């Protein structure tokens, strides 16, 4: 069976591309540590923040995770719909070819060029939406970083730690829980956090 010379490859491989990477949705309660900011006299004053707990309990990060997952789902749905339409168009053209509805070589070439152009357009849309999504992730990650740094700057005016470091996974092999200030940081950040109109509208399912 002859076929039009066009490979309509699937373009929707975005489950990983549009997965959340900035925030962890797993929720959990951080137990309070009354000794968190008690530092012995002399030597460096060092505290640490558990990043996994921060990500799961900071309201900004929870909202951001929901928002970006929603955006990713919308992008996947858009691309999947356009790919199905392209595949249907290719099948329609193939049927015309097999039933000799194309009477000239020029008609066949035009059909091939039309399908190729639509496939290029779909790939371009895929690339644009992927780039837009990555830029949106970067924007929120930067906002998260800025809010954390702003809070710690004020927080440390009274605590006067020499270092406040992040603890994520096993990047620090051993840490004394006495110097864990995660609860302070989460509580402080949540008190300062106010949803933006864009985030609030999106989470309520309204048009932005």
Protein backbone atom coordinates (compact mmCIF):
# COMPACT_ATOMS: atom_id res chain seq x y z
CA UNK A 1 0.00 0.00 0.00
CA UNK A 2 1.39 3.37 -1.03
CA UNK A 3 1.50 6.11 1.57
CA UNK A 4 1.99 9.84 1.48
CA UNK A 5 5.59 10.62 2.25
CA UNK A 6 5.13 12.18 5.68
CA UNK A 7 6.01 10.90 9.12
CA UNK A 8 3.44 12.24 11.56
CA UNK A 9 5.42 11.52 14.69
CA UNK A 10 3.81 12.02 18.08
CA UNK A 11 4.81 15.29 19.68
CA UNK A 12 3.22 14.89 23.09
CA UNK A 13 5.97 13.72 25.40
CA UNK A 14 5.42 16.30 28.06
CA UNK A 15 4.55 14.38 31.20
CA UNK A 16 8.06 15.00 32.45
CA UNK A 17 8.53 18.39 30.79
CA UNK A 18 5.58 19.92 32.57
CA UNK A 19 6.00 18.15 35.91
CA UNK A 20 6.64 20.30 38.91
CA UNK A 21 10.25 20.59 39.94
CA UNK A 22 10.30 23.61 42.19
CA UNK A 23 8.00 22.58 45.03
CA UNK A 24 7.04 19.35 46.72
CA UNK A 25 3.30 18.83 47.19
CA UNK A 26 3.66 16.39 50.03
CA UNK A 27 2.28 17.98 53.15
CA UNK A 28 3.38 17.35 56.68
CA UNK A 29 3.46 19.04 60.05
CA UNK A 30 6.79 20.25 61.34
CA UNK A 31 7.07 19.67 65.07
CA UNK A 32 8.06 22.74 67.04
CA UNK A 33 11.59 22.84 68.40
CA UNK A 34 11.86 25.13 71.47
CA UNK A 35 15.67 24.86 71.35
CA UNK A 36 15.91 25.82 67.69
CA UNK A 37 17.62 29.16 68.26
CA UNK A 38 19.59 28.38 71.42
CA UNK A 39 23.21 28.69 70.40
CA UNK A 40 26.11 28.07 72.76
CA UNK A 41 28.37 31.01 73.58
CA UNK A 42 31.52 31.33 71.51
CA UNK A 43 32.29 30.05 68.02
CA UNK A 44 30.22 30.40 64.88
CA UNK A 45 26.46 30.61 65.16
CA UNK A 46 25.01 28.35 62.52
CA UNK A 47 21.38 27.39 61.92
CA UNK A 48 19.73 25.40 59.16
CA UNK A 49 16.41 25.12 57.35
CA UNK A 50 14.93 21.82 56.14
CA UNK A 51 14.08 22.61 52.53
CA UNK A 52 11.69 19.68 52.05
CA UNK A 53 9.63 20.82 55.03
CA UNK A 54 9.73 24.42 53.85
CA UNK A 55 8.44 23.43 50.42
CA UNK A 56 5.61 21.32 51.78
CA UNK A 57 4.43 23.84 54.41
CA UNK A 58 5.03 27.29 52.94
CA UNK A 59 1.68 28.46 51.54
CA UNK A 60 3.30 30.24 48.59
CA UNK A 61 4.90 27.00 47.50
CA UNK A 62 1.68 25.03 47.89
CA UNK A 63 -0.19 27.55 45.75
CA UNK A 64 2.63 27.62 43.22
CA UNK A 65 2.60 23.83 42.90
CA UNK A 66 -1.15 23.75 42.23
CA UNK A 67 -0.92 26.66 39.80
CA UNK A 68 1.93 25.22 37.76
CA UNK A 69 0.41 21.74 37.66
CA UNK A 70 -2.77 23.30 36.32
CA UNK A 71 -0.82 25.19 33.65
CA UNK A 72 1.02 22.01 32.70
CA UNK A 73 -2.22 20.07 32.34
CA UNK A 74 -3.67 22.80 30.12
CA UNK A 75 -0.59 22.74 27.89
CA UNK A 76 -0.70 18.95 27.56
CA UNK A 77 -4.40 19.07 26.68
CA UNK A 78 -3.83 21.77 24.06
CA UNK A 79 -0.99 19.93 22.36
CA UNK A 80 -2.76 16.57 22.49
CA UNK A 81 -5.85 18.04 20.83
CA UNK A 82 -3.82 19.63 18.04
CA UNK A 83 -1.87 16.42 17.48
CA UNK A 84 -5.09 14.43 17.15
CA UNK A 85 -6.36 16.95 14.62
CA UNK A 86 -3.14 16.62 12.62
CA UNK A 87 -3.31 12.82 12.70
CA UNK A 88 -6.91 12.94 11.47
CA UNK A 89 -5.88 15.26 8.66
CA UNK A 90 -3.07 12.90 7.68
CA UNK A 91 -5.47 9.93 7.68
CA UNK A 92 -7.90 11.88 5.51
CA UNK A 93 -5.17 12.71 3.01
CA UNK A 94 -3.98 9.11 2.99
CA UNK A 95 -7.48 7.87 2.23
CA UNK A 96 -7.79 10.29 -0.69
CA UNK A 97 -4.46 9.09 -2.01
CA UNK A 98 -5.39 5.41 -1.77
CA UNK A 99 -8.73 5.96 -3.50
CA UNK A 100 -7.09 7.92 -6.32
CA UNK A 101 -8.84 11.19 -5.46
CA UNK A 102 -5.59 12.98 -6.27
CA UNK A 103 -5.48 13.20 -10.04
CA UNK A 104 -2.07 14.83 -10.44
CA UNK A 105 1.38 14.59 -8.96
CA UNK A 106 1.12 18.26 -8.01
CA UNK A 107 -1.93 17.56 -5.82
CA UNK A 108 -0.01 14.85 -3.96
CA UNK A 109 2.95 17.16 -3.41
CA UNK A 110 0.68 19.94 -2.17
CA UNK A 111 -0.95 17.54 0.31
CA UNK A 112 2.46 16.47 1.57
CA UNK A 113 3.61 20.07 1.94
CA UNK A 114 0.41 21.02 3.77
CA UNK A 115 0.81 18.22 6.28
CA UNK A 116 4.50 18.97 6.75
CA UNK A 117 3.70 22.65 7.41
CA UNK A 118 1.05 21.74 10.00
CA UNK A 119 3.49 19.39 11.71
CA UNK A 120 6.14 22.13 11.81
CA UNK A 121 3.58 24.53 13.28
CA UNK A 122 2.68 22.02 15.96
CA UNK A 123 6.34 21.50 16.84
CA UNK A 124 6.81 25.26 17.03
CA UNK A 125 3.82 25.53 19.37
CA UNK A 126 5.25 22.71 21.49
CA UNK A 127 8.56 24.56 21.77
CA UNK A 128 6.93 27.91 22.56
CA UNK A 129 4.68 26.51 25.27
CA UNK A 130 7.59 24.57 26.78
CA UNK A 131 9.70 27.73 26.90
CA UNK A 132 6.83 29.75 28.37
CA UNK A 133 6.30 27.09 31.04
CA UNK A 134 9.99 27.02 31.93
CA UNK A 135 10.04 30.83 32.18
CA UNK A 136 7.00 30.74 34.46
CA UNK A 137 8.70 28.18 36.69
CA UNK A 138 11.80 30.33 36.88
CA UNK A 139 9.71 33.38 37.81
CA UNK A 140 8.08 31.59 40.73
CA UNK A 141 11.34 29.98 41.85
CA UNK A 142 12.94 33.42 41.91
CA UNK A 143 10.00 34.79 43.87
CA UNK A 144 10.37 31.94 46.37
CA UNK A 145 14.08 32.62 46.75
CA UNK A 146 13.50 36.37 47.18
CA UNK A 147 10.80 35.90 49.80
CA UNK A 148 13.01 33.52 51.77
CA UNK A 149 16.03 35.79 51.63
CA UNK A 150 13.96 38.84 52.58
CA UNK A 151 12.49 37.06 55.59
CA UNK A 152 15.84 35.67 56.77
CA UNK A 153 17.42 39.12 56.54
CA UNK A 154 14.85 40.49 58.99
CA UNK A 155 14.77 37.33 61.11
CA UNK A 156 18.51 37.34 61.58
CA UNK A 157 18.66 40.92 62.86
CA UNK A 158 17.66 39.56 66.26
CA UNK A 159 19.09 36.00 66.00
CA UNK A 160 22.48 37.09 64.64
CA UNK A 161 23.50 33.76 63.11
CA UNK A 162 26.75 33.75 61.21
CA UNK A 163 25.35 31.23 58.74
CA UNK A 164 21.88 29.97 57.90
CA UNK A 165 22.24 26.99 55.59
CA UNK A 166 19.81 24.80 53.70
CA UNK A 167 19.42 21.11 54.43
CA UNK A 168 17.95 19.09 51.57
CA UNK A 169 18.13 15.33 51.35
CA UNK A 170 21.63 14.20 52.27
CA UNK A 171 23.52 17.34 51.24
CA UNK A 172 24.33 17.61 54.97
CA UNK A 173 25.09 14.19 56.37
CA UNK A 174 24.57 15.05 60.03
CA UNK A 175 23.00 18.05 61.75
CA UNK A 176 22.12 18.76 65.36
CA UNK A 177 18.34 19.27 65.51
CA UNK A 178 18.91 21.93 68.17
CA UNK A 179 19.87 24.35 65.39
CA UNK A 180 16.89 23.62 63.14
CA UNK A 181 14.98 26.89 62.58
CA UNK A 182 12.61 25.50 59.95
CA UNK A 183 9.49 26.00 62.07
CA UNK A 184 10.35 29.64 62.72
CA UNK A 185 10.97 30.24 59.04
CA UNK A 186 7.78 28.51 57.84
CA UNK A 187 5.63 30.35 60.36
CA UNK A 188 7.23 33.68 59.55
CA UNK A 189 6.91 33.24 55.80
CA UNK A 190 3.27 32.21 56.05
CA UNK A 191 2.44 35.25 58.15
CA UNK A 192 3.95 37.49 55.48
CA UNK A 193 2.48 35.68 52.48
CA UNK A 194 -0.42 37.24 50.57
CA UNK A 195 -1.85 35.61 47.46
CA UNK A 196 -1.55 37.69 44.31
CA UNK A 197 -4.78 38.34 42.36
CA UNK A 198 -3.45 36.12 39.53
CA UNK A 199 -2.82 33.17 41.83
CA UNK A 200 -6.10 33.63 43.68
CA UNK A 201 -8.11 33.77 40.44
CA UNK A 202 -6.36 30.71 39.04
CA UNK A 203 -6.86 28.64 42.18
CA UNK A 204 -10.54 29.59 42.20
CA UNK A 205 -10.86 28.43 38.60
CA UNK A 206 -11.53 31.90 37.18
CA UNK A 207 -10.10 33.36 34.03
CA UNK A 208 -6.91 35.29 34.63
